[in-house]
Amino acid sequence: SDAQTDCSCIAGYTGADGGECVGCAAGTYKANTGSAACAVCEATTFSTALAATSADTCALCPANSNATSGSNAATDCVCVARWYGARGGPCALCDSGSWCS
């Protein structure tokens, strides 16, 4: 085609057809060509990849931890109630009779 408006953003990039394409931010991805917005990684996952083209770039948080959707770093993973540990690291069960947050 000879019209710029016929141009579309490739996977991993978003923008209006015929306009500027911008890479998907960390914590997001876009699998298809077109003007659709980048999708966010699901809760309990994170991705540091820029211009990601697949949900496979969204890595699971360590066991017994969660992160909000669209998280872009392992340190976004936080241990759930009754478990403790460094952000993004392994979580250990609190001792019996104690409370951890």
PDB file of N, CA and C in Angstrom:
ATOM      1  N   SER A   1       0.840  -1.183   0.000  1.00  0.00           N
ATOM      2  CA  SER A   1       0.000   0.000   0.000  1.00  0.00           C
ATOM      3  C   SER A   1       0.886   1.248   0.000  1.00  0.00           C
ATOM      4  N   ASP A   2       0.351   2.341  -0.461  1.00  0.00           N
ATOM      5  CA  ASP A   2       1.122   3.583  -0.494  1.00  0.00           C
ATOM      6  C   ASP A   2       0.610   4.616   0.495  1.00  0.00           C
ATOM      7  N   ALA A   3      -0.346   4.252   1.345  1.00  0.00           N
ATOM      8  CA  ALA A   3      -0.892   5.183   2.334  1.00  0.00           C
ATOM      9  C   ALA A   3      -0.355   4.848   3.718  1.00  0.00           C
ATOM     10  N   GLN A   4       0.148   5.861   4.415  1.00  0.00           N
ATOM     11  CA  GLN A   4       0.687   5.644   5.757  1.00  0.00           C
ATOM     12  C   GLN A   4      -0.391   5.118   6.696  1.00  0.00           C
ATOM     13  N   THR A   5      -1.644   5.493   6.478  1.00  0.00           N
ATOM     14  CA  THR A   5      -2.731   5.046   7.354  1.00  0.00           C
ATOM     15  C   THR A   5      -2.954   3.548   7.268  1.00  0.00           C
ATOM     16  N   ASP A   6      -2.367   2.897   6.258  1.00  0.00           N
ATOM     17  CA  ASP A   6      -2.489   1.445   6.135  1.00  0.00           C
ATOM     18  C   ASP A   6      -1.450   0.715   6.989  1.00  0.00           C
ATOM     19  N   CYS A   7      -0.516   1.463   7.579  1.00  0.00           N
ATOM     20  CA  CYS A   7       0.520   0.855   8.419  1.00  0.00           C
ATOM     21  C   CYS A   7      -0.047   0.538   9.802  1.00  0.00           C
ATOM     22  N   SER A   8       0.350  -0.611  10.335  1.00  0.00           N
ATOM     23  CA  SER A   8      -0.102  -1.043  11.664  1.00  0.00           C
ATOM     24  C   SER A   8       1.103  -1.366  12.531  1.00  0.00           C
ATOM     25  N   CYS A   9       0.928  -1.241  13.818  1.00  0.00           N
ATOM     26  CA  CYS A   9       1.991  -1.595  14.768  1.00  0.00           C
ATOM     27  C   CYS A   9       2.132  -3.116  14.832  1.00  0.00           C
ATOM     28  N   ILE A  10       3.373  -3.562  14.900  1.00  0.00           N
ATOM     29  CA  ILE A  10       3.631  -4.993  15.011  1.00  0.00           C
ATOM     30  C   ILE A  10       3.404  -5.450  16.451  1.00  0.00           C
ATOM     31  N   ALA A  11       3.434  -6.764  16.651  1.00  0.00           N
ATOM     32  CA  ALA A  11       3.295  -7.327  18.000  1.00  0.00           C
ATOM     33  C   ALA A  11       4.345  -6.710  18.912  1.00  0.00           C
ATOM     34  N   GLY A  12       3.949  -6.430  20.156  1.00  0.00           N
ATOM     35  CA  GLY A  12       4.847  -5.825  21.125  1.00  0.00           C
ATOM     36  C   GLY A  12       4.803  -4.307  21.121  1.00  0.00           C
ATOM     37  N   TYR A  13       4.090  -3.725  20.164  1.00  0.00           N
ATOM     38  CA  TYR A  13       3.974  -2.270  20.032  1.00  0.00           C
ATOM     39  C   TYR A  13       2.513  -1.887  19.855  1.00  0.00           C
ATOM     40  N   THR A  14       2.145  -0.695  20.308  1.00  0.00           N
ATOM     41  CA  THR A  14       0.784  -0.222  20.197  1.00  0.00           C
ATOM     42  C   THR A  14       0.757   1.215  19.698  1.00  0.00           C
ATOM     43  N   GLY A  15      -0.329   1.579  19.057  1.00  0.00           N
ATOM     44  CA  GLY A  15      -0.513   2.922  18.531  1.00  0.00           C
ATOM     45  C   GLY A  15      -1.578   2.897  17.458  1.00  0.00           C
ATOM     46  N   ALA A  16      -2.056   4.069  17.111  1.00  0.00           N
ATOM     47  CA  ALA A  16      -3.091   4.182  16.081  1.00  0.00           C
ATOM     48  C   ALA A  16      -2.528   3.772  14.728  1.00  0.00           C
ATOM     49  N   ASP A  17      -3.340   3.134  13.896  1.00  0.00           N
ATOM     50  CA  ASP A  17      -2.918   2.791  12.544  1.00  0.00           C
ATOM     51  C   ASP A  17      -2.456   4.055  11.827  1.00  0.00           C
ATOM     52  N   GLY A  18      -1.281   3.986  11.217  1.00  0.00           N
ATOM     53  CA  GLY A  18      -0.726   5.131  10.518  1.00  0.00           C
ATOM     54  C   GLY A  18       0.029   6.084  11.423  1.00  0.00           C
ATOM     55  N   GLY A  19      -0.017   5.858  12.736  1.00  0.00           N
ATOM     56  CA  GLY A  19       0.637   6.743  13.702  1.00  0.00           C
ATOM     57  C   GLY A  19       1.898   6.121  14.261  1.00  0.00           C
ATOM     58  N   GLU A  20       2.409   6.762  15.301  1.00  0.00           N
ATOM     59  CA  GLU A  20       3.621   6.282  15.957  1.00  0.00           C
ATOM     60  C   GLU A  20       3.320   5.028  16.775  1.00  0.00           C
ATOM     61  N   CYS A  21       4.220   4.078  16.711  1.00  0.00           N
ATOM     62  CA  CYS A  21       4.092   2.856  17.505  1.00  0.00           C
ATOM     63  C   CYS A  21       5.027   2.944  18.706  1.00  0.00           C
ATOM     64  N   VAL A  22       4.509   2.562  19.876  1.00  0.00           N
ATOM     65  CA  VAL A  22       5.263   2.617  21.124  1.00  0.00           C
ATOM     66  C   VAL A  22       5.320   1.212  21.708  1.00  0.00           C
ATOM     67  N   GLY A  23       6.498   0.814  22.156  1.00  0.00           N
ATOM     68  CA  GLY A  23       6.667  -0.518  22.733  1.00  0.00           C
ATOM     69  C   GLY A  23       5.846  -0.704  23.994  1.00  0.00           C
ATOM     70  N   CYS A  24       5.324  -1.893  24.175  1.00  0.00           N
ATOM     71  CA  CYS A  24       4.582  -2.212  25.393  1.00  0.00           C
ATOM     72  C   CYS A  24       5.521  -2.075  26.597  1.00  0.00           C
ATOM     73  N   ALA A  25       5.027  -1.483  27.664  1.00  0.00           N
ATOM     74  CA  ALA A  25       5.801  -1.293  28.883  1.00  0.00           C
ATOM     75  C   ALA A  25       6.001  -2.632  29.593  1.00  0.00           C
ATOM     76  N   ALA A  26       6.981  -2.693  30.470  1.00  0.00           N
ATOM     77  CA  ALA A  26       7.165  -3.875  31.306  1.00  0.00           C
ATOM     78  C   ALA A  26       5.873  -4.146  32.066  1.00  0.00           C
ATOM     79  N   GLY A  27       5.500  -5.403  32.187  1.00  0.00           N
ATOM     80  CA  GLY A  27       4.244  -5.774  32.845  1.00  0.00           C
ATOM     81  C   GLY A  27       3.088  -5.888  31.867  1.00  0.00           C
ATOM     82  N   THR A  28       3.357  -5.627  30.571  1.00  0.00           N
ATOM     83  CA  THR A  28       2.334  -5.725  29.534  1.00  0.00           C
ATOM     84  C   THR A  28       2.913  -6.432  28.308  1.00  0.00           C
ATOM     85  N   TYR A  29       2.030  -6.825  27.386  1.00  0.00           N
ATOM     86  CA  TYR A  29       2.440  -7.493  26.152  1.00  0.00           C
ATOM     87  C   TYR A  29       1.348  -7.310  25.101  1.00  0.00           C
ATOM     88  N   LYS A  30       1.685  -7.525  23.845  1.00  0.00           N
ATOM     89  CA  LYS A  30       0.699  -7.497  22.752  1.00  0.00           C
ATOM     90  C   LYS A  30       1.132  -8.522  21.720  1.00  0.00           C
ATOM     91  N   ALA A  31       0.286  -9.516  21.496  1.00  0.00           N
ATOM     92  CA  ALA A  31       0.647 -10.655  20.658  1.00  0.00           C
ATOM     93  C   ALA A  31       0.390 -10.429  19.166  1.00  0.00           C
ATOM     94  N   ASN A  32      -0.466  -9.491  18.809  1.00  0.00           N
ATOM     95  CA  ASN A  32      -0.882  -9.361  17.419  1.00  0.00           C
ATOM     96  C   ASN A  32      -0.537  -8.002  16.823  1.00  0.00           C
ATOM     97  N   THR A  33      -0.525  -7.945  15.502  1.00  0.00           N
ATOM     98  CA  THR A  33      -0.370  -6.690  14.774  1.00  0.00           C
ATOM     99  C   THR A  33      -1.666  -5.900  14.875  1.00  0.00           C
ATOM    100  N   GLY A  34      -1.583  -4.564  14.918  1.00  0.00           N
ATOM    101  CA  GLY A  34      -2.775  -3.727  14.948  1.00  0.00           C
ATOM    102  C   GLY A  34      -2.671  -2.635  15.985  1.00  0.00           C
ATOM    103  N   SER A  35      -3.780  -1.947  16.172  1.00  0.00           N
ATOM    104  CA  SER A  35      -3.797  -0.778  17.056  1.00  0.00           C
ATOM    105  C   SER A  35      -4.273  -1.097  18.479  1.00  0.00           C
ATOM    106  N   ALA A  36      -4.530  -2.352  18.782  1.00  0.00           N
ATOM    107  CA  ALA A  36      -5.020  -2.723  20.116  1.00  0.00           C
ATOM    108  C   ALA A  36      -4.022  -2.306  21.194  1.00  0.00           C
ATOM    109  N   ALA A  37      -4.547  -2.062  22.379  1.00  0.00           N
ATOM    110  CA  ALA A  37      -3.705  -1.722  23.530  1.00  0.00           C
ATOM    111  C   ALA A  37      -2.934  -2.954  23.983  1.00  0.00           C
ATOM    112  N   CYS A  38      -1.850  -2.725  24.689  1.00  0.00           N
ATOM    113  CA  CYS A  38      -1.083  -3.815  25.281  1.00  0.00           C
ATOM    114  C   CYS A  38      -1.899  -4.407  26.429  1.00  0.00           C
ATOM    115  N   ALA A  39      -1.889  -5.725  26.559  1.00  0.00           N
ATOM    116  CA  ALA A  39      -2.585  -6.413  27.653  1.00  0.00           C
ATOM    117  C   ALA A  39      -1.673  -6.457  28.869  1.00  0.00           C
ATOM    118  N   VAL A  40      -2.261  -6.460  30.055  1.00  0.00           N
ATOM    119  CA  VAL A  40      -1.461  -6.509  31.282  1.00  0.00           C
ATOM    120  C   VAL A  40      -1.251  -7.951  31.728  1.00  0.00           C
ATOM    121  N   CYS A  41      -0.103  -8.207  32.333  1.00  0.00           N
ATOM    122  CA  CYS A  41       0.152  -9.516  32.930  1.00  0.00           C
ATOM    123  C   CYS A  41      -0.867  -9.730  34.054  1.00  0.00           C
ATOM    124  N   GLU A  42      -1.319 -10.954  34.205  1.00  0.00           N
ATOM    125  CA  GLU A  42      -2.325 -11.271  35.223  1.00  0.00           C
ATOM    126  C   GLU A  42      -1.756 -11.125  36.630  1.00  0.00           C
ATOM    127  N   ALA A  43      -2.666 -10.985  37.585  1.00  0.00           N
ATOM    128  CA  ALA A  43      -2.266 -10.967  38.998  1.00  0.00           C
ATOM    129  C   ALA A  43      -1.491 -12.245  39.298  1.00  0.00           C
ATOM    130  N   THR A  44      -0.588 -12.197  40.205  1.00  0.00           N
ATOM    131  CA  THR A  44       0.340 -13.259  40.636  1.00  0.00           C
ATOM    132  C   THR A  44       1.472 -13.473  39.634  1.00  0.00           C
ATOM    133  N   THR A  45       1.588 -12.581  38.624  1.00  0.00           N
ATOM    134  CA  THR A  45       2.694 -12.658  37.680  1.00  0.00           C
ATOM    135  C   THR A  45       3.350 -11.289  37.537  1.00  0.00           C
ATOM    136  N   PHE A  46       4.525 -11.268  36.889  1.00  0.00           N
ATOM    137  CA  PHE A  46       5.224 -10.014  36.605  1.00  0.00           C
ATOM    138  C   PHE A  46       6.056 -10.204  35.347  1.00  0.00           C
ATOM    139  N   SER A  47       6.427  -9.121  34.702  1.00  0.00           N
ATOM    140  CA  SER A  47       7.315  -9.180  33.547  1.00  0.00           C
ATOM    141  C   SER A  47       8.183  -7.936  33.490  1.00  0.00           C
ATOM    142  N   THR A  48       9.468  -8.139  33.299  1.00  0.00           N
ATOM    143  CA  THR A  48      10.402  -7.028  33.147  1.00  0.00           C
ATOM    144  C   THR A  48      10.663  -6.722  31.672  1.00  0.00           C
ATOM    145  N   ALA A  49      10.112  -7.548  30.772  1.00  0.00           N
ATOM    146  CA  ALA A  49      10.379  -7.409  29.336  1.00  0.00           C
ATOM    147  C   ALA A  49       9.711  -6.158  28.764  1.00  0.00           C
ATOM    148  N   LEU A  50      10.430  -5.495  27.877  1.00  0.00           N
ATOM    149  CA  LEU A  50       9.882  -4.358  27.134  1.00  0.00           C
ATOM    150  C   LEU A  50       9.482  -4.837  25.745  1.00  0.00           C
ATOM    151  N   ALA A  51       8.386  -4.298  25.206  1.00  0.00           N
ATOM    152  CA  ALA A  51       7.882  -4.671  23.882  1.00  0.00           C
ATOM    153  C   ALA A  51       7.616  -6.176  23.796  1.00  0.00           C
ATOM    154  N   ALA A  52       7.091  -6.755  24.869  1.00  0.00           N
ATOM    155  CA  ALA A  52       6.824  -8.195  24.927  1.00  0.00           C
ATOM    156  C   ALA A  52       5.701  -8.572  23.964  1.00  0.00           C
ATOM    157  N   THR A  53       5.815  -9.763  23.388  1.00  0.00           N
ATOM    158  CA  THR A  53       4.851 -10.217  22.390  1.00  0.00           C
ATOM    159  C   THR A  53       4.011 -11.403  22.847  1.00  0.00           C
ATOM    160  N   SER A  54       4.161 -11.836  24.092  1.00  0.00           N
ATOM    161  CA  SER A  54       3.438 -13.018  24.555  1.00  0.00           C
ATOM    162  C   SER A  54       3.218 -12.973  26.061  1.00  0.00           C
ATOM    163  N   ALA A  55       2.099 -13.545  26.489  1.00  0.00           N
ATOM    164  CA  ALA A  55       1.826 -13.677  27.917  1.00  0.00           C
ATOM    165  C   ALA A  55       2.857 -14.587  28.578  1.00  0.00           C
ATOM    166  N   ASP A  56       3.584 -15.361  27.777  1.00  0.00           N
ATOM    167  CA  ASP A  56       4.622 -16.240  28.330  1.00  0.00           C
ATOM    168  C   ASP A  56       5.737 -15.451  28.996  1.00  0.00           C
ATOM    169  N   THR A  57       5.858 -14.149  28.703  1.00  0.00           N
ATOM    170  CA  THR A  57       6.884 -13.333  29.364  1.00  0.00           C
ATOM    171  C   THR A  57       6.477 -12.988  30.797  1.00  0.00           C
ATOM    172  N   CYS A  58       5.219 -13.208  31.140  1.00  0.00           N
ATOM    173  CA  CYS A  58       4.724 -12.940  32.497  1.00  0.00           C
ATOM    174  C   CYS A  58       5.080 -14.137  33.379  1.00  0.00           C
ATOM    175  N   ALA A  59       6.045 -13.949  34.257  1.00  0.00           N
ATOM    176  CA  ALA A  59       6.530 -15.025  35.125  1.00  0.00           C
ATOM    177  C   ALA A  59       5.698 -15.104  36.396  1.00  0.00           C
ATOM    178  N   LEU A  60       5.527 -16.307  36.901  1.00  0.00           N
ATOM    179  CA  LEU A  60       4.795 -16.501  38.157  1.00  0.00           C
ATOM    180  C   LEU A  60       5.600 -15.977  39.334  1.00  0.00           C
ATOM    181  N   CYS A  61       4.900 -15.367  40.269  1.00  0.00           N
ATOM    182  CA  CYS A  61       5.527 -14.994  41.540  1.00  0.00           C
ATOM    183  C   CYS A  61       5.906 -16.274  42.281  1.00  0.00           C
ATOM    184  N   PRO A  62       6.852 -16.183  43.217  1.00  0.00           N
ATOM    185  CA  PRO A  62       7.183 -17.362  44.022  1.00  0.00           C
ATOM    186  C   PRO A  62       5.937 -17.891  44.755  1.00  0.00           C
ATOM    187  N   ALA A  63       5.977 -19.157  45.133  1.00  0.00           N
ATOM    188  CA  ALA A  63       4.859 -19.782  45.844  1.00  0.00           C
ATOM    189  C   ALA A  63       4.478 -18.963  47.075  1.00  0.00           C
ATOM    190  N   ASN A  64       3.191 -18.873  47.329  1.00  0.00           N
ATOM    191  CA  ASN A  64       2.618 -18.187  48.498  1.00  0.00           C
ATOM    192  C   ASN A  64       2.868 -16.680  48.481  1.00  0.00           C
ATOM    193  N   SER A  65       2.974 -16.114  47.271  1.00  0.00           N
ATOM    194  CA  SER A  65       3.067 -14.657  47.137  1.00  0.00           C
ATOM    195  C   SER A  65       2.178 -14.205  45.989  1.00  0.00           C
ATOM    196  N   ASN A  66       1.828 -12.931  46.007  1.00  0.00           N
ATOM    197  CA  ASN A  66       0.954 -12.346  44.991  1.00  0.00           C
ATOM    198  C   ASN A  66       1.522 -11.024  44.520  1.00  0.00           C
ATOM    199  N   ALA A  67       1.099 -10.629  43.324  1.00  0.00           N
ATOM    200  CA  ALA A  67       1.390  -9.303  42.783  1.00  0.00           C
ATOM    201  C   ALA A  67       0.130  -8.832  42.076  1.00  0.00           C
ATOM    202  N   THR A  68      -0.039  -7.533  41.955  1.00  0.00           N
ATOM    203  CA  THR A  68      -1.190  -7.002  41.241  1.00  0.00           C
ATOM    204  C   THR A  68      -0.986  -7.177  39.739  1.00  0.00           C
ATOM    205  N   SER A  69      -2.057  -7.162  38.967  1.00  0.00           N
ATOM    206  CA  SER A  69      -1.940  -7.278  37.523  1.00  0.00           C
ATOM    207  C   SER A  69      -1.110  -6.121  36.976  1.00  0.00           C
ATOM    208  N   GLY A  70      -0.328  -6.399  35.947  1.00  0.00           N
ATOM    209  CA  GLY A  70       0.532  -5.389  35.351  1.00  0.00           C
ATOM    210  C   GLY A  70       1.837  -5.167  36.085  1.00  0.00           C
ATOM    211  N   SER A  71       2.181  -6.036  37.013  1.00  0.00           N
ATOM    212  CA  SER A  71       3.423  -5.868  37.775  1.00  0.00           C
ATOM    213  C   SER A  71       4.633  -6.011  36.861  1.00  0.00           C
ATOM    214  N   ASN A  72       5.655  -5.171  37.121  1.00  0.00           N
ATOM    215  CA  ASN A  72       6.809  -5.133  36.225  1.00  0.00           C
ATOM    216  C   ASN A  72       8.139  -5.478  36.890  1.00  0.00           C
ATOM    217  N   ALA A  73       8.097  -6.073  38.070  1.00  0.00           N
ATOM    218  CA  ALA A  73       9.333  -6.469  38.755  1.00  0.00           C
ATOM    219  C   ALA A  73       9.034  -7.598  39.733  1.00  0.00           C
ATOM    220  N   ALA A  74      10.022  -8.469  39.941  1.00  0.00           N
ATOM    221  CA  ALA A  74       9.857  -9.568  40.899  1.00  0.00           C
ATOM    222  C   ALA A  74       9.553  -9.026  42.289  1.00  0.00           C
ATOM    223  N   THR A  75      10.082  -7.861  42.603  1.00  0.00           N
ATOM    224  CA  THR A  75       9.851  -7.284  43.933  1.00  0.00           C
ATOM    225  C   THR A  75       8.417  -6.817  44.130  1.00  0.00           C
ATOM    226  N   ASP A  76       7.594  -6.868  43.090  1.00  0.00           N
ATOM    227  CA  ASP A  76       6.162  -6.596  43.244  1.00  0.00           C
ATOM    228  C   ASP A  76       5.447  -7.785  43.889  1.00  0.00           C
ATOM    229  N   CYS A  77       6.089  -8.941  43.920  1.00  0.00           N
ATOM    230  CA  CYS A  77       5.516 -10.145  44.532  1.00  0.00           C
ATOM    231  C   CYS A  77       5.719 -10.065  46.045  1.00  0.00           C
ATOM    232  N   VAL A  78       4.630 -10.136  46.783  1.00  0.00           N
ATOM    233  CA  VAL A  78       4.647  -9.981  48.241  1.00  0.00           C
ATOM    234  C   VAL A  78       4.022 -11.227  48.867  1.00  0.00           C
ATOM    235  N   CYS A  79       4.635 -11.722  49.926  1.00  0.00           N
ATOM    236  CA  CYS A  79       4.114 -12.909  50.613  1.00  0.00           C
ATOM    237  C   CYS A  79       2.689 -12.657  51.110  1.00  0.00           C
ATOM    238  N   VAL A  80       1.861 -13.701  51.027  1.00  0.00           N
ATOM    239  CA  VAL A  80       0.474 -13.612  51.487  1.00  0.00           C
ATOM    240  C   VAL A  80       0.434 -13.759  53.010  1.00  0.00           C
ATOM    241  N   ALA A  81      -0.731 -13.524  53.589  1.00  0.00           N
ATOM    242  CA  ALA A  81      -0.910 -13.631  55.043  1.00  0.00           C
ATOM    243  C   ALA A  81      -0.439 -14.995  55.541  1.00  0.00           C
ATOM    244  N   ARG A  82       0.179 -14.982  56.708  1.00  0.00           N
ATOM    245  CA  ARG A  82       0.710 -16.154  57.401  1.00  0.00           C
ATOM    246  C   ARG A  82       2.007 -16.660  56.791  1.00  0.00           C
ATOM    247  N   TRP A  83       2.548 -15.920  55.822  1.00  0.00           N
ATOM    248  CA  TRP A  83       3.827 -16.258  55.195  1.00  0.00           C
ATOM    249  C   TRP A  83       4.709 -15.023  55.247  1.00  0.00           C
ATOM    250  N   TYR A  84       6.026 -15.199  55.284  1.00  0.00           N
ATOM    251  CA  TYR A  84       6.925 -14.047  55.324  1.00  0.00           C
ATOM    252  C   TYR A  84       8.141 -14.294  54.423  1.00  0.00           C
ATOM    253  N   GLY A  85       8.787 -13.217  54.043  1.00  0.00           N
ATOM    254  CA  GLY A  85       9.991 -13.303  53.214  1.00  0.00           C
ATOM    255  C   GLY A  85      10.203 -11.986  52.493  1.00  0.00           C
ATOM    256  N   ALA A  86      11.362 -11.842  51.882  1.00  0.00           N
ATOM    257  CA  ALA A  86      11.687 -10.636  51.135  1.00  0.00           C
ATOM    258  C   ALA A  86      10.792 -10.522  49.903  1.00  0.00           C
ATOM    259  N   ARG A  87      10.493  -9.284  49.524  1.00  0.00           N
ATOM    260  CA  ARG A  87       9.697  -9.056  48.311  1.00  0.00           C
ATOM    261  C   ARG A  87      10.392  -9.710  47.127  1.00  0.00           C
ATOM    262  N   GLY A  88       9.648 -10.533  46.399  1.00  0.00           N
ATOM    263  CA  GLY A  88      10.186 -11.214  45.233  1.00  0.00           C
ATOM    264  C   GLY A  88      10.959 -12.478  45.537  1.00  0.00           C
ATOM    265  N   GLY A  89      11.156 -12.761  46.819  1.00  0.00           N
ATOM    266  CA  GLY A  89      11.922 -13.941  47.215  1.00  0.00           C
ATOM    267  C   GLY A  89      11.015 -15.059  47.684  1.00  0.00           C
ATOM    268  N   PRO A  90      11.591 -16.150  48.132  1.00  0.00           N
ATOM    269  CA  PRO A  90      10.764 -17.245  48.637  1.00  0.00           C
ATOM    270  C   PRO A  90      10.046 -16.837  49.928  1.00  0.00           C
ATOM    271  N   CYS A  91       8.886 -17.409  50.139  1.00  0.00           N
ATOM    272  CA  CYS A  91       8.081 -17.138  51.336  1.00  0.00           C
ATOM    273  C   CYS A  91       8.092 -18.367  52.238  1.00  0.00           C
ATOM    274  N   ALA A  92       8.203 -18.140  53.529  1.00  0.00           N
ATOM    275  CA  ALA A  92       8.203 -19.224  54.517  1.00  0.00           C
ATOM    276  C   ALA A  92       6.988 -19.065  55.416  1.00  0.00           C
ATOM    277  N   LEU A  93       6.467 -20.177  55.875  1.00  0.00           N
ATOM    278  CA  LEU A  93       5.310 -20.177  56.765  1.00  0.00           C
ATOM    279  C   LEU A  93       5.705 -19.631  58.128  1.00  0.00           C
ATOM    280  N   CYS A  94       4.857 -18.788  58.679  1.00  0.00           N
ATOM    281  CA  CYS A  94       5.101 -18.247  60.036  1.00  0.00           C
ATOM    282  C   CYS A  94       5.080 -19.382  61.050  1.00  0.00           C
ATOM    283  N   ASP A  95       5.823 -19.222  62.113  1.00  0.00           N
ATOM    284  CA  ASP A  95       5.839 -20.228  63.164  1.00  0.00           C
ATOM    285  C   ASP A  95       4.456 -20.378  63.781  1.00  0.00           C
ATOM    286  N   SER A  96       4.135 -21.574  64.237  1.00  0.00           N
ATOM    287  CA  SER A  96       2.859 -21.843  64.882  1.00  0.00           C
ATOM    288  C   SER A  96       2.699 -20.932  66.086  1.00  0.00           C
ATOM    289  N   GLY A  97       1.537 -20.344  66.231  1.00  0.00           N
ATOM    290  CA  GLY A  97       1.249 -19.480  67.362  1.00  0.00           C
ATOM    291  C   GLY A  97       1.730 -18.042  67.165  1.00  0.00           C
ATOM    292  N   SER A  98       2.259 -17.728  65.988  1.00  0.00           N
ATOM    293  CA  SER A  98       2.697 -16.350  65.730  1.00  0.00           C
ATOM    294  C   SER A  98       1.956 -15.801  64.511  1.00  0.00           C
ATOM    295  N   TRP A  99       2.026 -14.484  64.364  1.00  0.00           N
ATOM    296  CA  TRP A  99       1.357 -13.829  63.243  1.00  0.00           C
ATOM    297  C   TRP A  99       2.396 -13.070  62.429  1.00  0.00           C
ATOM    298  N   CYS A 100       2.390 -13.261  61.154  1.00  0.00           N
ATOM    299  CA  CYS A 100       3.286 -12.529  60.244  1.00  0.00           C
ATOM    300  C   CYS A 100       2.413 -11.756  59.265  1.00  0.00           C
ATOM    301  N   SER A 101       2.917 -10.626  58.824  1.00  0.00           N
ATOM    302  CA  SER A 101       2.194  -9.890  57.788  1.00  0.00           C
ATOM    303  C   SER A 101       3.140  -9.467  56.698  1.00  0.00           C
TER     304      SER A 101
END
